[in-house]
C-alpha cells in the first residue's frame, strides 16, 4: 500500500482503489488480503491505498464514509465507485474493470 498526499494520489489516470478502514474493524481484516492480492495481480494498472478513518477523519467526512470497510475508486480525481462492506475478489475486480 502506498503513502502520500491523498489529493495528489487520487488525481492518477489509473483507477485508485481507496480502502477506508479502521484498526478495530473485523470485516476490514477480511478485506485487506483481498486488496493485497488484487494489487499484486494488477500491478501498475491500478493503485491501492488504505485510509484509517480514525486517523484521517477529515478525509472520511469529506467523502461521507458512514461505515467500514468502504471501498472507493477514484480516477483523475473523480469518484467513480463507492460501496460499503466487504467485497469479494470478483466483485472488486468487476468494479475496477468498469473503471480501467
N, C-alpha and C. Protein backbone atom coordinates (compact mmCIF):
# COMPACT_ATOMS: atom_id res chain seq x y z
N UNK A 1 0.85 -1.18 0.00
CA UNK A 1 0.00 0.00 0.00
C UNK A 1 0.90 1.24 0.00
N UNK A 2 0.37 2.29 -0.55
CA UNK A 2 1.20 3.49 -0.74
C UNK A 2 0.84 4.59 0.24
N UNK A 3 1.81 5.45 0.49
CA UNK A 3 1.57 6.63 1.32
C UNK A 3 1.82 7.87 0.46
N UNK A 4 1.25 8.97 0.85
CA UNK A 4 1.47 10.21 0.12
C UNK A 4 0.32 11.16 0.34
N UNK A 5 0.29 12.21 -0.44
CA UNK A 5 -0.77 13.19 -0.33
C UNK A 5 -2.03 12.67 -1.01
N UNK A 6 -3.10 12.50 -0.23
CA UNK A 6 -4.33 11.90 -0.73
C UNK A 6 -4.85 12.60 -1.98
N UNK A 7 -4.91 13.93 -1.94
CA UNK A 7 -5.46 14.68 -3.08
C UNK A 7 -4.63 14.48 -4.35
N UNK A 8 -3.33 14.35 -4.20
CA UNK A 8 -2.46 14.10 -5.35
C UNK A 8 -2.65 12.68 -5.86
N UNK A 9 -2.70 11.73 -4.96
CA UNK A 9 -2.83 10.32 -5.34
C UNK A 9 -4.10 10.07 -6.14
N UNK A 10 -5.23 10.63 -5.73
CA UNK A 10 -6.49 10.34 -6.43
C UNK A 10 -6.59 11.01 -7.79
N UNK A 11 -5.64 11.88 -8.13
CA UNK A 11 -5.63 12.51 -9.45
C UNK A 11 -5.06 11.59 -10.53
N UNK A 12 -4.56 10.42 -10.12
CA UNK A 12 -3.92 9.49 -11.05
C UNK A 12 -4.86 9.13 -12.20
N UNK A 13 -4.26 8.89 -13.38
CA UNK A 13 -5.06 8.48 -14.54
C UNK A 13 -5.50 7.02 -14.41
N UNK A 14 -4.82 6.28 -13.55
CA UNK A 14 -5.22 4.88 -13.29
C UNK A 14 -6.29 4.87 -12.21
N UNK A 15 -7.09 3.80 -12.14
CA UNK A 15 -8.01 3.67 -11.01
C UNK A 15 -7.24 3.61 -9.70
N UNK A 16 -7.70 4.37 -8.72
CA UNK A 16 -7.12 4.36 -7.38
C UNK A 16 -8.17 3.78 -6.44
N UNK A 17 -7.89 2.60 -5.92
CA UNK A 17 -8.81 1.94 -5.00
C UNK A 17 -8.43 2.38 -3.59
N UNK A 18 -9.38 3.02 -2.92
CA UNK A 18 -9.15 3.51 -1.56
C UNK A 18 -9.95 2.64 -0.59
N UNK A 19 -9.24 2.03 0.34
CA UNK A 19 -9.86 1.20 1.37
C UNK A 19 -9.97 2.05 2.63
N UNK A 20 -11.18 2.55 2.89
CA UNK A 20 -11.44 3.28 4.14
C UNK A 20 -11.69 2.21 5.20
N UNK A 21 -10.82 2.15 6.21
CA UNK A 21 -10.87 1.08 7.19
C UNK A 21 -10.57 1.63 8.58
N UNK A 22 -10.65 0.73 9.57
CA UNK A 22 -10.26 1.07 10.95
C UNK A 22 -9.56 -0.16 11.54
N UNK A 23 -8.61 0.10 12.41
CA UNK A 23 -7.85 -0.99 13.01
C UNK A 23 -8.72 -1.94 13.84
N UNK A 24 -9.79 -1.42 14.43
CA UNK A 24 -10.66 -2.22 15.29
C UNK A 24 -11.72 -3.00 14.51
N UNK A 25 -11.77 -2.84 13.20
CA UNK A 25 -12.85 -3.37 12.37
C UNK A 25 -12.54 -4.79 11.90
N UNK A 26 -13.33 -5.76 12.36
CA UNK A 26 -13.15 -7.15 11.95
C UNK A 26 -13.30 -7.36 10.45
N UNK A 27 -14.40 -6.89 9.82
CA UNK A 27 -14.55 -7.07 8.37
C UNK A 27 -13.41 -6.44 7.57
N UNK A 28 -12.80 -5.37 8.10
CA UNK A 28 -11.67 -4.74 7.40
C UNK A 28 -10.50 -5.70 7.31
N UNK A 29 -10.34 -6.53 8.34
CA UNK A 29 -9.25 -7.50 8.34
C UNK A 29 -9.49 -8.58 7.28
N UNK A 30 -10.76 -8.85 6.96
CA UNK A 30 -11.11 -9.80 5.91
C UNK A 30 -10.83 -9.18 4.53
N UNK A 31 -11.11 -7.89 4.40
CA UNK A 31 -10.94 -7.20 3.12
C UNK A 31 -9.48 -7.03 2.73
N UNK A 32 -8.63 -6.80 3.69
CA UNK A 32 -7.23 -6.46 3.43
C UNK A 32 -6.48 -7.47 2.54
N UNK A 33 -6.53 -8.80 2.82
CA UNK A 33 -5.79 -9.72 1.95
C UNK A 33 -6.34 -9.76 0.52
N UNK A 34 -7.63 -9.53 0.35
CA UNK A 34 -8.23 -9.50 -0.99
C UNK A 34 -7.65 -8.31 -1.77
N UNK A 35 -7.55 -7.16 -1.11
CA UNK A 35 -6.97 -5.98 -1.75
C UNK A 35 -5.51 -6.21 -2.11
N UNK A 36 -4.77 -6.82 -1.21
CA UNK A 36 -3.35 -7.08 -1.47
C UNK A 36 -3.19 -8.01 -2.68
N UNK A 37 -4.04 -9.01 -2.77
CA UNK A 37 -3.98 -9.96 -3.88
C UNK A 37 -4.27 -9.25 -5.21
N UNK A 38 -5.29 -8.42 -5.21
CA UNK A 38 -5.65 -7.68 -6.43
C UNK A 38 -4.54 -6.70 -6.80
N UNK A 39 -4.00 -5.99 -5.82
CA UNK A 39 -2.92 -5.04 -6.09
C UNK A 39 -1.72 -5.77 -6.70
N UNK A 40 -1.42 -6.95 -6.20
CA UNK A 40 -0.30 -7.73 -6.71
C UNK A 40 -0.57 -8.18 -8.15
N UNK A 41 -1.79 -8.66 -8.41
CA UNK A 41 -2.14 -9.14 -9.75
C UNK A 41 -2.21 -8.02 -10.78
N UNK A 42 -2.74 -6.88 -10.38
CA UNK A 42 -2.97 -5.79 -11.33
C UNK A 42 -1.72 -4.93 -11.55
N UNK A 43 -0.79 -4.99 -10.61
CA UNK A 43 0.47 -4.26 -10.77
C UNK A 43 0.27 -2.77 -10.99
N UNK A 44 0.90 -2.23 -12.02
CA UNK A 44 0.88 -0.79 -12.28
C UNK A 44 -0.40 -0.28 -12.92
N UNK A 45 -1.36 -1.17 -13.19
CA UNK A 45 -2.61 -0.72 -13.82
C UNK A 45 -3.55 -0.02 -12.85
N UNK A 46 -3.33 -0.25 -11.55
CA UNK A 46 -4.14 0.41 -10.52
C UNK A 46 -3.23 0.84 -9.37
N UNK A 47 -3.78 1.66 -8.48
CA UNK A 47 -3.13 1.97 -7.20
C UNK A 47 -4.11 1.58 -6.11
N UNK A 48 -3.59 1.06 -5.01
CA UNK A 48 -4.41 0.70 -3.86
C UNK A 48 -3.83 1.42 -2.65
N UNK A 49 -4.67 2.18 -1.96
CA UNK A 49 -4.23 2.83 -0.73
C UNK A 49 -5.24 2.55 0.38
N UNK A 50 -4.75 2.63 1.61
CA UNK A 50 -5.61 2.42 2.78
C UNK A 50 -5.69 3.73 3.56
N UNK A 51 -6.88 4.08 3.96
CA UNK A 51 -7.10 5.28 4.78
C UNK A 51 -7.76 4.84 6.08
N UNK A 52 -7.05 5.05 7.18
CA UNK A 52 -7.59 4.76 8.51
C UNK A 52 -8.54 5.90 8.87
N UNK A 53 -9.83 5.58 9.03
CA UNK A 53 -10.82 6.64 9.27
C UNK A 53 -10.63 7.32 10.61
N UNK A 54 -10.02 6.64 11.57
CA UNK A 54 -9.78 7.26 12.87
C UNK A 54 -8.64 8.27 12.80
N UNK A 55 -7.64 8.00 11.99
CA UNK A 55 -6.51 8.92 11.84
C UNK A 55 -6.74 9.99 10.79
N UNK A 56 -7.69 9.76 9.90
CA UNK A 56 -7.95 10.68 8.79
C UNK A 56 -9.44 11.03 8.72
N UNK A 57 -9.97 11.48 9.85
CA UNK A 57 -11.40 11.76 9.95
C UNK A 57 -11.87 12.79 8.94
N UNK A 58 -11.02 13.78 8.64
CA UNK A 58 -11.44 14.84 7.71
C UNK A 58 -11.64 14.27 6.30
N UNK A 59 -10.80 13.33 5.88
CA UNK A 59 -10.98 12.72 4.56
C UNK A 59 -12.22 11.84 4.57
N UNK A 60 -12.42 11.07 5.62
CA UNK A 60 -13.59 10.21 5.73
C UNK A 60 -14.88 11.04 5.68
N UNK A 61 -14.88 12.17 6.38
CA UNK A 61 -16.06 13.04 6.38
C UNK A 61 -16.30 13.65 5.01
N UNK A 62 -15.22 14.05 4.34
CA UNK A 62 -15.33 14.67 3.02
C UNK A 62 -16.03 13.77 2.02
N UNK A 63 -15.80 12.45 2.15
CA UNK A 63 -16.42 11.50 1.22
C UNK A 63 -17.59 10.75 1.84
N UNK A 64 -18.09 11.26 2.95
CA UNK A 64 -19.29 10.73 3.60
C UNK A 64 -19.19 9.23 3.89
N UNK A 65 -18.07 8.83 4.46
CA UNK A 65 -17.87 7.43 4.82
C UNK A 65 -18.66 7.17 6.11
N UNK A 66 -19.65 6.30 6.02
CA UNK A 66 -20.53 6.02 7.15
C UNK A 66 -20.13 4.75 7.90
N UNK A 67 -19.53 3.80 7.20
CA UNK A 67 -19.15 2.54 7.82
C UNK A 67 -17.87 2.02 7.20
N UNK A 68 -17.24 1.09 7.89
CA UNK A 68 -16.01 0.50 7.37
C UNK A 68 -16.17 -1.02 7.32
N UNK A 69 -15.57 -1.68 6.34
CA UNK A 69 -14.80 -1.06 5.27
C UNK A 69 -15.71 -0.42 4.21
N UNK A 70 -15.23 0.65 3.61
CA UNK A 70 -15.86 1.22 2.43
C UNK A 70 -14.77 1.34 1.38
N UNK A 71 -15.07 0.82 0.20
CA UNK A 71 -14.12 0.92 -0.91
C UNK A 71 -14.60 1.98 -1.88
N UNK A 72 -13.67 2.85 -2.25
CA UNK A 72 -13.96 3.93 -3.19
C UNK A 72 -12.93 3.84 -4.31
N UNK A 73 -13.40 4.00 -5.55
CA UNK A 73 -12.48 4.03 -6.68
C UNK A 73 -12.51 5.42 -7.28
N UNK A 74 -11.34 6.03 -7.37
CA UNK A 74 -11.18 7.34 -8.00
C UNK A 74 -10.42 7.16 -9.30
N UNK A 75 -10.68 8.04 -10.24
CA UNK A 75 -9.88 8.12 -11.46
C UNK A 75 -9.85 9.56 -11.89
N UNK A 76 -8.66 10.09 -12.11
CA UNK A 76 -8.49 11.51 -12.46
C UNK A 76 -9.18 12.42 -11.45
N UNK A 77 -9.14 12.04 -10.17
CA UNK A 77 -9.71 12.86 -9.10
C UNK A 77 -11.21 12.75 -8.93
N UNK A 78 -11.85 11.95 -9.77
CA UNK A 78 -13.32 11.82 -9.73
C UNK A 78 -13.71 10.50 -9.09
N UNK A 79 -14.67 10.54 -8.16
CA UNK A 79 -15.16 9.33 -7.53
C UNK A 79 -16.01 8.57 -8.54
N UNK A 80 -15.58 7.34 -8.84
CA UNK A 80 -16.27 6.52 -9.83
C UNK A 80 -17.11 5.41 -9.20
N UNK A 81 -16.78 5.06 -7.96
CA UNK A 81 -17.42 3.91 -7.31
C UNK A 81 -17.28 4.09 -5.81
N UNK A 82 -18.34 3.73 -5.09
CA UNK A 82 -18.29 3.77 -3.62
C UNK A 82 -19.27 2.75 -3.09
N UNK A 83 -18.76 1.86 -2.24
CA UNK A 83 -19.63 0.84 -1.68
C UNK A 83 -19.07 0.38 -0.34
N UNK A 84 -19.93 0.35 0.67
CA UNK A 84 -19.54 -0.14 1.99
C UNK A 84 -19.64 -1.66 2.02
N UNK A 85 -18.91 -2.26 2.94
CA UNK A 85 -18.98 -3.71 3.14
C UNK A 85 -17.80 -4.42 2.50
N UNK A 86 -17.61 -5.66 2.92
CA UNK A 86 -16.53 -6.48 2.38
C UNK A 86 -16.86 -6.85 0.94
N UNK A 87 -15.89 -6.68 0.07
CA UNK A 87 -16.03 -7.05 -1.34
C UNK A 87 -15.30 -8.37 -1.58
N UNK A 88 -15.94 -9.27 -2.29
CA UNK A 88 -15.24 -10.48 -2.73
C UNK A 88 -14.28 -10.07 -3.84
N UNK A 89 -13.35 -10.94 -4.13
CA UNK A 89 -12.40 -10.64 -5.21
C UNK A 89 -13.14 -10.40 -6.54
N UNK A 90 -14.10 -11.26 -6.94
CA UNK A 90 -14.80 -10.99 -8.21
C UNK A 90 -15.57 -9.66 -8.22
N UNK A 91 -16.22 -9.32 -7.10
CA UNK A 91 -16.93 -8.04 -7.01
C UNK A 91 -15.98 -6.88 -7.25
N UNK A 92 -14.85 -6.92 -6.57
CA UNK A 92 -13.90 -5.83 -6.66
C UNK A 92 -13.25 -5.77 -8.04
N UNK A 93 -12.94 -6.92 -8.61
CA UNK A 93 -12.37 -6.96 -9.96
C UNK A 93 -13.34 -6.36 -10.98
N UNK A 94 -14.63 -6.64 -10.83
CA UNK A 94 -15.63 -6.07 -11.73
C UNK A 94 -15.69 -4.55 -11.59
N UNK A 95 -15.66 -4.06 -10.36
CA UNK A 95 -15.71 -2.61 -10.13
C UNK A 95 -14.48 -1.93 -10.73
N UNK A 96 -13.33 -2.56 -10.58
CA UNK A 96 -12.10 -2.00 -11.16
C UNK A 96 -12.16 -2.04 -12.68
N UNK A 97 -12.60 -3.16 -13.23
CA UNK A 97 -12.66 -3.33 -14.69
C UNK A 97 -13.54 -2.24 -15.33
N UNK A 98 -14.61 -1.87 -14.65
CA UNK A 98 -15.51 -0.84 -15.16
C UNK A 98 -14.84 0.54 -15.18
N UNK A 99 -13.75 0.69 -14.46
CA UNK A 99 -13.08 1.99 -14.35
C UNK A 99 -11.65 1.99 -14.90
N UNK A 100 -11.27 0.96 -15.64
CA UNK A 100 -9.94 0.93 -16.25
C UNK A 100 -9.90 1.83 -17.48
